[in-house]
PDB file of N, CA and C in Angstrom:
ATOM      1  N   MET A   1     -12.162  -5.268   7.156  1.00  0.00           N
ATOM      2  CA  MET A   1     -11.535  -5.884   6.033  1.00  0.00           C
ATOM      3  C   MET A   1     -10.268  -5.854   6.608  1.00  0.00           C
ATOM      4  N   ARG A   2      -9.544  -7.239   6.082  1.00  0.00           N
ATOM      5  CA  ARG A   2      -8.355  -7.976   6.547  1.00  0.00           C
ATOM      6  C   ARG A   2      -7.105  -7.672   5.629  1.00  0.00           C
ATOM      7  N   TRP A   3      -6.136  -6.924   5.859  1.00  0.00           N
ATOM      8  CA  TRP A   3      -4.930  -6.962   4.830  1.00  0.00           C
ATOM      9  C   TRP A   3      -4.081  -7.776   5.212  1.00  0.00           C
ATOM     10  N   THR A   4      -3.483  -8.132   4.649  1.00  0.00           N
ATOM     11  CA  THR A   4      -2.181  -9.291   4.577  1.00  0.00           C
ATOM     12  C   THR A   4      -0.946  -8.123   4.124  1.00  0.00           C
ATOM     13  N   TRP A   5       0.395  -8.429   4.556  1.00  0.00           N
ATOM     14  CA  TRP A   5       1.600  -7.625   3.719  1.00  0.00           C
ATOM     15  C   TRP A   5       2.594  -8.594   3.639  1.00  0.00           C
ATOM     16  N   ASP A   6       3.166  -8.303   2.454  1.00  0.00           N
ATOM     17  CA  ASP A   6       4.282  -9.398   2.303  1.00  0.00           C
ATOM     18  C   ASP A   6       5.616  -9.160   3.230  1.00  0.00           C
ATOM     19  N   LEU A   7       5.675 -10.025   4.044  1.00  0.00           N
ATOM     20  CA  LEU A   7       6.993 -10.080   5.181  1.00  0.00           C
ATOM     21  C   LEU A   7       8.167  -9.726   4.476  1.00  0.00           C
ATOM     22  N   ASP A   8       8.935 -10.061   3.475  1.00  0.00           N
ATOM     23  CA  ASP A   8      10.004  -9.606   3.552  1.00  0.00           C
ATOM     24  C   ASP A   8       9.888  -8.245   2.830  1.00  0.00           C
ATOM     25  N   LYS A   9       8.919  -7.712   2.098  1.00  0.00           N
ATOM     26  CA  LYS A   9       8.907  -6.498   1.753  1.00  0.00           C
ATOM     27  C   LYS A   9       8.946  -5.545   3.375  1.00  0.00           C
ATOM     28  N   ASP A  10       8.065  -6.187   4.275  1.00  0.00           N
ATOM     29  CA  ASP A  10       7.662  -5.274   5.545  1.00  0.00           C
ATOM     30  C   ASP A  10       8.885  -5.263   6.292  1.00  0.00           C
ATOM     31  N   ALA A  11       9.608  -6.398   6.461  1.00  0.00           N
ATOM     32  CA  ALA A  11      11.155  -6.188   6.934  1.00  0.00           C
ATOM     33  C   ALA A  11      12.073  -4.954   6.142  1.00  0.00           C
ATOM     34  N   ILE A  12      12.179  -5.148   5.158  1.00  0.00           N
ATOM     35  CA  ILE A  12      13.080  -4.252   4.494  1.00  0.00           C
ATOM     36  C   ILE A  12      12.161  -2.841   4.650  1.00  0.00           C
ATOM     37  N   ASN A  13      11.063  -2.653   4.431  1.00  0.00           N
ATOM     38  CA  ASN A  13      10.718  -0.966   4.758  1.00  0.00           C
ATOM     39  C   ASN A  13      10.683  -0.783   6.272  1.00  0.00           C
ATOM     40  N   ARG A  14      10.579  -1.759   7.382  1.00  0.00           N
ATOM     41  CA  ARG A  14      11.086  -1.548   8.897  1.00  0.00           C
ATOM     42  C   ARG A  14      12.572  -0.675   8.937  1.00  0.00           C
ATOM     43  N   ARG A  15      13.667  -1.770   7.813  1.00  0.00           N
ATOM     44  CA  ARG A  15      14.665  -1.302   8.255  1.00  0.00           C
ATOM     45  C   ARG A  15      15.100   0.130   7.624  1.00  0.00           C
ATOM     46  N   LYS A  16      14.395   0.180   6.230  1.00  0.00           N
ATOM     47  CA  LYS A  16      14.879   1.563   5.564  1.00  0.00           C
ATOM     48  C   LYS A  16      14.077   2.634   6.345  1.00  0.00           C
ATOM     49  N   HIS A  17      12.711   2.543   6.583  1.00  0.00           N
ATOM     50  CA  HIS A  17      11.954   3.730   6.676  1.00  0.00           C
ATOM     51  C   HIS A  17      11.500   3.850   8.816  1.00  0.00           C
ATOM     52  N   GLY A  18      11.797   2.734   9.145  1.00  0.00           N
ATOM     53  CA  GLY A  18      11.206   2.179  10.410  1.00  0.00           C
ATOM     54  C   GLY A  18       9.795   2.412  10.565  1.00  0.00           C
ATOM     55  N   LEU A  19       9.104   2.414   9.846  1.00  0.00           N
ATOM     56  CA  LEU A  19       7.858   1.775   9.682  1.00  0.00           C
ATOM     57  C   LEU A  19       7.080   0.438   9.098  1.00  0.00           C
ATOM     58  N   PRO A  20       6.250   0.076   9.769  1.00  0.00           N
ATOM     59  CA  PRO A  20       5.936  -1.447   9.256  1.00  0.00           C
ATOM     60  C   PRO A  20       4.667  -0.893   7.727  1.00  0.00           C
ATOM     61  N   LEU A  21       4.660  -1.996   6.982  1.00  0.00           N
ATOM     62  CA  LEU A  21       4.079  -1.727   6.122  1.00  0.00           C
ATOM     63  C   LEU A  21       2.173  -1.062   6.365  1.00  0.00           C
ATOM     64  N   SER A  22       1.985  -2.300   7.905  1.00  0.00           N
ATOM     65  CA  SER A  22       0.467  -1.405   7.803  1.00  0.00           C
ATOM     66  C   SER A  22       0.190  -0.653   8.657  1.00  0.00           C
ATOM     67  N   VAL A  23       1.202   0.577   8.561  1.00  0.00           N
ATOM     68  CA  VAL A  23       1.129   1.537   9.038  1.00  0.00           C
ATOM     69  C   VAL A  23      -0.209   2.391   7.745  1.00  0.00           C
ATOM     70  N   GLY A  24       0.775   1.945   6.555  1.00  0.00           N
ATOM     71  CA  GLY A  24       0.172   2.531   5.440  1.00  0.00           C
ATOM     72  C   GLY A  24      -1.628   2.124   5.357  1.00  0.00           C
ATOM     73  N   GLU A  25      -2.181   1.587   5.934  1.00  0.00           N
ATOM     74  CA  GLU A  25      -3.712   1.187   6.062  1.00  0.00           C
ATOM     75  C   GLU A  25      -4.438   2.603   6.150  1.00  0.00           C
ATOM     76  N   VAL A  26      -3.506   3.858   6.991  1.00  0.00           N
ATOM     77  CA  VAL A  26      -4.575   4.572   7.221  1.00  0.00           C
ATOM     78  C   VAL A  26      -5.032   5.673   5.929  1.00  0.00           C
ATOM     79  N   ALA A  27      -4.478   5.567   5.136  1.00  0.00           N
ATOM     80  CA  ALA A  27      -4.338   6.057   3.575  1.00  0.00           C
ATOM     81  C   ALA A  27      -5.516   5.915   3.338  1.00  0.00           C
ATOM     82  N   LEU A  28      -6.149   4.642   3.410  1.00  0.00           N
ATOM     83  CA  LEU A  28      -7.553   4.263   3.170  1.00  0.00           C
ATOM     84  C   LEU A  28      -8.854   4.752   4.262  1.00  0.00           C
ATOM     85  N   VAL A  29      -8.460   4.990   5.046  1.00  0.00           N
ATOM     86  CA  VAL A  29      -9.466   5.763   5.708  1.00  0.00           C
ATOM     87  C   VAL A  29      -9.464   7.259   6.406  1.00  0.00           C
ATOM     88  N   ASP A  30      -8.119   7.906   5.669  1.00  0.00           N
ATOM     89  CA  ASP A  30      -8.380   9.270   5.652  1.00  0.00           C
ATOM     90  C   ASP A  30      -8.652  10.453   4.834  1.00  0.00           C
ATOM     91  N   PRO A  31      -9.812  10.492   5.446  1.00  0.00           N
ATOM     92  CA  PRO A  31     -10.708  11.994   4.437  1.00  0.00           C
ATOM     93  C   PRO A  31      -9.930  12.816   4.017  1.00  0.00           C
ATOM     94  N   LEU A  32      -8.476  13.012   4.542  1.00  0.00           N
ATOM     95  CA  LEU A  32      -8.285  14.054   3.978  1.00  0.00           C
ATOM     96  C   LEU A  32      -6.766  13.599   3.031  1.00  0.00           C
ATOM     97  N   ALA A  33      -6.601  12.399   2.674  1.00  0.00           N
ATOM     98  CA  ALA A  33      -5.347  11.603   2.036  1.00  0.00           C
ATOM     99  C   ALA A  33      -5.508  12.373   0.751  1.00  0.00           C
ATOM    100  N   LEU A  34      -4.245  12.532   0.006  1.00  0.00           N
ATOM    101  CA  LEU A  34      -3.954  13.262  -1.278  1.00  0.00           C
ATOM    102  C   LEU A  34      -2.790  12.382  -2.141  1.00  0.00           C
ATOM    103  N   SER A  35      -3.989  11.970  -3.319  1.00  0.00           N
ATOM    104  CA  SER A  35      -3.169  10.840  -3.886  1.00  0.00           C
ATOM    105  C   SER A  35      -2.970  11.220  -5.330  1.00  0.00           C
ATOM    106  N   ARG A  36      -1.797  11.426  -5.943  1.00  0.00           N
ATOM    107  CA  ARG A  36      -1.097  11.625  -7.355  1.00  0.00           C
ATOM    108  C   ARG A  36      -0.310  10.663  -8.030  1.00  0.00           C
ATOM    109  N   GLN A  37      -0.602  10.826  -9.087  1.00  0.00           N
ATOM    110  CA  GLN A  37       0.469  10.055  -9.968  1.00  0.00           C
ATOM    111  C   GLN A  37       1.626  10.285  -9.658  1.00  0.00           C
ATOM    112  N   ALA A  38       2.957   9.265  -9.652  1.00  0.00           N
ATOM    113  CA  ALA A  38       3.878   9.224  -9.516  1.00  0.00           C
ATOM    114  C   ALA A  38       4.803   8.357 -10.586  1.00  0.00           C
ATOM    115  N   PRO A  39       5.357   9.288 -11.691  1.00  0.00           N
ATOM    116  CA  PRO A  39       6.262   8.488 -12.102  1.00  0.00           C
ATOM    117  C   PRO A  39       7.221   7.870 -11.713  1.00  0.00           C
ATOM    118  N   HIS A  40       7.375   6.582 -12.507  1.00  0.00           N
ATOM    119  CA  HIS A  40       8.266   5.671 -11.678  1.00  0.00           C
ATOM    120  C   HIS A  40       8.759   4.522 -13.192  1.00  0.00           C
ATOM    121  N   PRO A  41       9.793   4.379 -13.620  1.00  0.00           N
ATOM    122  CA  PRO A  41      10.172   3.918 -14.880  1.00  0.00           C
ATOM    123  C   PRO A  41       9.638   2.407 -15.082  1.00  0.00           C
ATOM    124  N   ASP A  42       9.846   1.732 -13.565  1.00  0.00           N
ATOM    125  CA  ASP A  42       9.029   0.670 -13.711  1.00  0.00           C
ATOM    126  C   ASP A  42       7.564   0.246 -14.234  1.00  0.00           C
ATOM    127  N   GLY A  43       6.729   1.524 -14.145  1.00  0.00           N
ATOM    128  CA  GLY A  43       5.407   1.287 -14.346  1.00  0.00           C
ATOM    129  C   GLY A  43       4.620   2.462 -13.363  1.00  0.00           C
ATOM    130  N   ASP A  44       3.137   2.166 -13.607  1.00  0.00           N
ATOM    131  CA  ASP A  44       2.109   2.991 -13.057  1.00  0.00           C
ATOM    132  C   ASP A  44       2.315   2.985 -11.512  1.00  0.00           C
ATOM    133  N   ARG A  45       2.433   3.871 -11.036  1.00  0.00           N
ATOM    134  CA  ARG A  45       2.558   4.200  -9.593  1.00  0.00           C
ATOM    135  C   ARG A  45       1.484   5.146  -8.672  1.00  0.00           C
ATOM    136  N   TRP A  46       1.307   5.056  -7.813  1.00  0.00           N
ATOM    137  CA  TRP A  46       0.797   6.022  -7.246  1.00  0.00           C
ATOM    138  C   TRP A  46       1.198   6.807  -5.626  1.00  0.00           C
ATOM    139  N   GLY A  47       1.512   7.951  -5.250  1.00  0.00           N
ATOM    140  CA  GLY A  47       2.091   8.487  -3.864  1.00  0.00           C
ATOM    141  C   GLY A  47       0.650   9.166  -3.539  1.00  0.00           C
ATOM    142  N   THR A  48       0.458   8.521  -2.172  1.00  0.00           N
ATOM    143  CA  THR A  48      -0.506   9.380  -1.227  1.00  0.00           C
ATOM    144  C   THR A  48       0.042   9.528  -0.154  1.00  0.00           C
ATOM    145  N   LEU A  49      -0.444  11.374   0.584  1.00  0.00           N
ATOM    146  CA  LEU A  49       0.179  12.020   1.663  1.00  0.00           C
ATOM    147  C   LEU A  49      -1.236  12.040   2.182  1.00  0.00           C
ATOM    148  N   CYS A  50      -1.215  11.055   3.661  1.00  0.00           N
ATOM    149  CA  CYS A  50      -1.334  10.925   4.532  1.00  0.00           C
ATOM    150  C   CYS A  50      -1.297  11.307   6.001  1.00  0.00           C
ATOM    151  N   GLN A  51      -2.565  11.707   6.692  1.00  0.00           N
ATOM    152  CA  GLN A  51      -1.867  11.739   8.375  1.00  0.00           C
ATOM    153  C   GLN A  51      -2.066  10.387   9.000  1.00  0.00           C
ATOM    154  N   ALA A  52      -1.543   9.940  10.014  1.00  0.00           N
ATOM    155  CA  ALA A  52      -1.479   9.102  10.935  1.00  0.00           C
ATOM    156  C   ALA A  52      -0.965   9.593  12.621  1.00  0.00           C
ATOM    157  N   GLY A  53      -2.059   9.869  13.260  1.00  0.00           N
ATOM    158  CA  GLY A  53      -1.430  10.618  14.403  1.00  0.00           C
ATOM    159  C   GLY A  53      -0.746  12.348  13.727  1.00  0.00           C
ATOM    160  N   SER A  54       0.351  11.953  14.518  1.00  0.00           N
ATOM    161  CA  SER A  54       0.776  12.866  14.616  1.00  0.00           C
ATOM    162  C   SER A  54       1.783  13.317  13.243  1.00  0.00           C
ATOM    163  N   VAL A  55       2.112  12.057  12.667  1.00  0.00           N
ATOM    164  CA  VAL A  55       2.754  11.930  11.759  1.00  0.00           C
ATOM    165  C   VAL A  55       2.344  12.265   9.967  1.00  0.00           C
ATOM    166  N   LEU A  56       3.129  12.863   9.473  1.00  0.00           N
ATOM    167  CA  LEU A  56       2.564  12.760   7.918  1.00  0.00           C
ATOM    168  C   LEU A  56       3.145  11.895   6.990  1.00  0.00           C
ATOM    169  N   LEU A  57       2.409  10.891   6.476  1.00  0.00           N
ATOM    170  CA  LEU A  57       3.018   9.676   5.728  1.00  0.00           C
ATOM    171  C   LEU A  57       2.931   9.863   4.376  1.00  0.00           C
ATOM    172  N   TYR A  58       3.814   9.722   3.470  1.00  0.00           N
ATOM    173  CA  TYR A  58       4.416   9.787   1.897  1.00  0.00           C
ATOM    174  C   TYR A  58       4.239   7.884   1.722  1.00  0.00           C
ATOM    175  N   ILE A  59       2.950   7.293   1.101  1.00  0.00           N
ATOM    176  CA  ILE A  59       2.992   6.107   0.578  1.00  0.00           C
ATOM    177  C   ILE A  59       3.085   5.718  -1.239  1.00  0.00           C
ATOM    178  N   ILE A  60       3.793   5.225  -1.388  1.00  0.00           N
ATOM    179  CA  ILE A  60       3.968   4.939  -2.586  1.00  0.00           C
ATOM    180  C   ILE A  60       3.194   3.303  -3.066  1.00  0.00           C
ATOM    181  N   HIS A  61       2.659   3.459  -4.214  1.00  0.00           N
ATOM    182  CA  HIS A  61       1.920   2.043  -4.296  1.00  0.00           C
ATOM    183  C   HIS A  61       1.702   1.730  -5.590  1.00  0.00           C
ATOM    184  N   SER A  62       2.238   0.587  -6.131  1.00  0.00           N
ATOM    185  CA  SER A  62       2.254   0.025  -7.558  1.00  0.00           C
ATOM    186  C   SER A  62       0.759  -0.951  -8.270  1.00  0.00           C
ATOM    187  N   VAL A  63       0.698  -0.771  -9.253  1.00  0.00           N
ATOM    188  CA  VAL A  63      -0.605  -1.181  -9.843  1.00  0.00           C
ATOM    189  C   VAL A  63      -0.202  -2.233 -10.658  1.00  0.00           C
ATOM    190  N   ARG A  64      -0.290  -3.555 -10.728  1.00  0.00           N
ATOM    191  CA  ARG A  64      -0.416  -5.062 -11.544  1.00  0.00           C
ATOM    192  C   ARG A  64      -1.299  -5.670 -11.705  1.00  0.00           C
ATOM    193  N   LYS A  65      -1.287  -6.365 -12.603  1.00  0.00           N
ATOM    194  CA  LYS A  65      -2.216  -7.388 -12.933  1.00  0.00           C
ATOM    195  C   LYS A  65      -2.177  -8.668 -11.590  1.00  0.00           C
ATOM    196  N   ALA A  66      -3.217  -9.246 -11.342  1.00  0.00           N
ATOM    197  CA  ALA A  66      -3.756 -10.007 -10.038  1.00  0.00           C
ATOM    198  C   ALA A  66      -3.096 -11.295 -11.108  1.00  0.00           C
ATOM    199  N   THR A  67      -2.753 -11.723  -9.705  1.00  0.00           N
ATOM    200  CA  THR A  67      -2.114 -13.573  -9.742  1.00  0.00           C
ATOM    201  C   THR A  67      -3.239 -14.390 -10.391  1.00  0.00           C
ATOM    202  N   ARG A  68      -2.628 -15.581 -10.449  1.00  0.00           N
ATOM    203  CA  ARG A  68      -3.756 -16.617 -11.251  1.00  0.00           C
ATOM    204  C   ARG A  68      -4.342 -16.939  -9.642  1.00  0.00           C
ATOM    205  N   GLN A  69      -4.139 -16.744  -8.513  1.00  0.00           N
ATOM    206  CA  GLN A  69      -4.517 -17.518  -7.418  1.00  0.00           C
ATOM    207  C   GLN A  69      -5.508 -15.786  -6.882  1.00  0.00           C
ATOM    208  N   GLU A  70      -4.830 -15.228  -6.962  1.00  0.00           N
ATOM    209  CA  GLU A  70      -5.437 -13.491  -6.320  1.00  0.00           C
ATOM    210  C   GLU A  70      -6.962 -13.174  -7.362  1.00  0.00           C
ATOM    211  N   ARG A  71      -7.066 -13.833  -8.744  1.00  0.00           N
ATOM    212  CA  ARG A  71      -7.992 -13.906  -9.328  1.00  0.00           C
ATOM    213  C   ARG A  71      -9.087 -14.799  -8.895  1.00  0.00           C
ATOM    214  N   LYS A  72      -8.767 -15.928  -8.883  1.00  0.00           N
ATOM    215  CA  LYS A  72      -9.295 -16.925  -8.285  1.00  0.00           C
ATOM    216  C   LYS A  72     -10.385 -16.292  -6.930  1.00  0.00           C
ATOM    217  N   ALA A  73      -9.087 -16.017  -5.630  1.00  0.00           N
ATOM    218  CA  ALA A  73      -9.676 -15.831  -4.396  1.00  0.00           C
ATOM    219  C   ALA A  73     -10.520 -14.660  -4.679  1.00  0.00           C
ATOM    220  N   TYR A  74     -10.408 -13.435  -5.436  1.00  0.00           N
ATOM    221  CA  TYR A  74     -11.612 -12.768  -5.578  1.00  0.00           C
ATOM    222  C   TYR A  74     -13.074 -13.309  -6.593  1.00  0.00           C
ATOM    223  N   GLU A  75     -12.917 -14.074  -7.901  1.00  0.00           N
ATOM    224  CA  GLU A  75     -13.901 -14.504  -8.336  1.00  0.00           C
ATOM    225  C   GLU A  75     -14.525 -15.607  -7.234  1.00  0.00           C
ATOM    226  N   ASP A  76     -14.085 -16.463  -6.000  1.00  0.00           N
ATOM    227  CA  ASP A  76     -14.362 -16.826  -4.976  1.00  0.00           C
ATOM    228  C   ASP A  76     -15.386 -16.046  -3.879  1.00  0.00           C
ATOM    229  N   GLY A  77     -15.071 -15.298  -3.906  1.00  0.00           N
ATOM    230  CA  GLY A  77     -15.801 -14.484  -2.826  1.00  0.00           C
ATOM    231  C   GLY A  77     -14.419 -14.139  -1.693  1.00  0.00           C
ATOM    232  N   GLU A  78     -13.486 -14.578  -1.638  1.00  0.00           N
ATOM    233  CA  GLU A  78     -12.315 -14.508  -0.302  1.00  0.00           C
ATOM    234  C   GLU A  78     -11.396 -12.712  -0.096  1.00  0.00           C
ATOM    235  N   HIS A  79     -12.557 -12.128  -0.962  1.00  0.00           N
ATOM    236  CA  HIS A  79     -11.742 -10.712  -0.350  1.00  0.00           C
ATOM    237  C   HIS A  79     -11.961  -9.713   0.470  1.00  0.00           C
TER     238      HIS A  79
END
């Protein structure tokens, strides 16, 4: 699977945390990853703890409705 990241958010994350967003891909393959709901005033979010080499990561991810373009790509099988 090919992942793409928002370049502006990636730059912010690199400055703020010293890590690219792409390092979060480990959460998708770590069999010991632990995800829990993380309350946030902006809406539904989840936090995942996972191992990346010798580093333990905490990844926050949010959920939103797909945009029209994302929905079309999904329906066209471009995912």
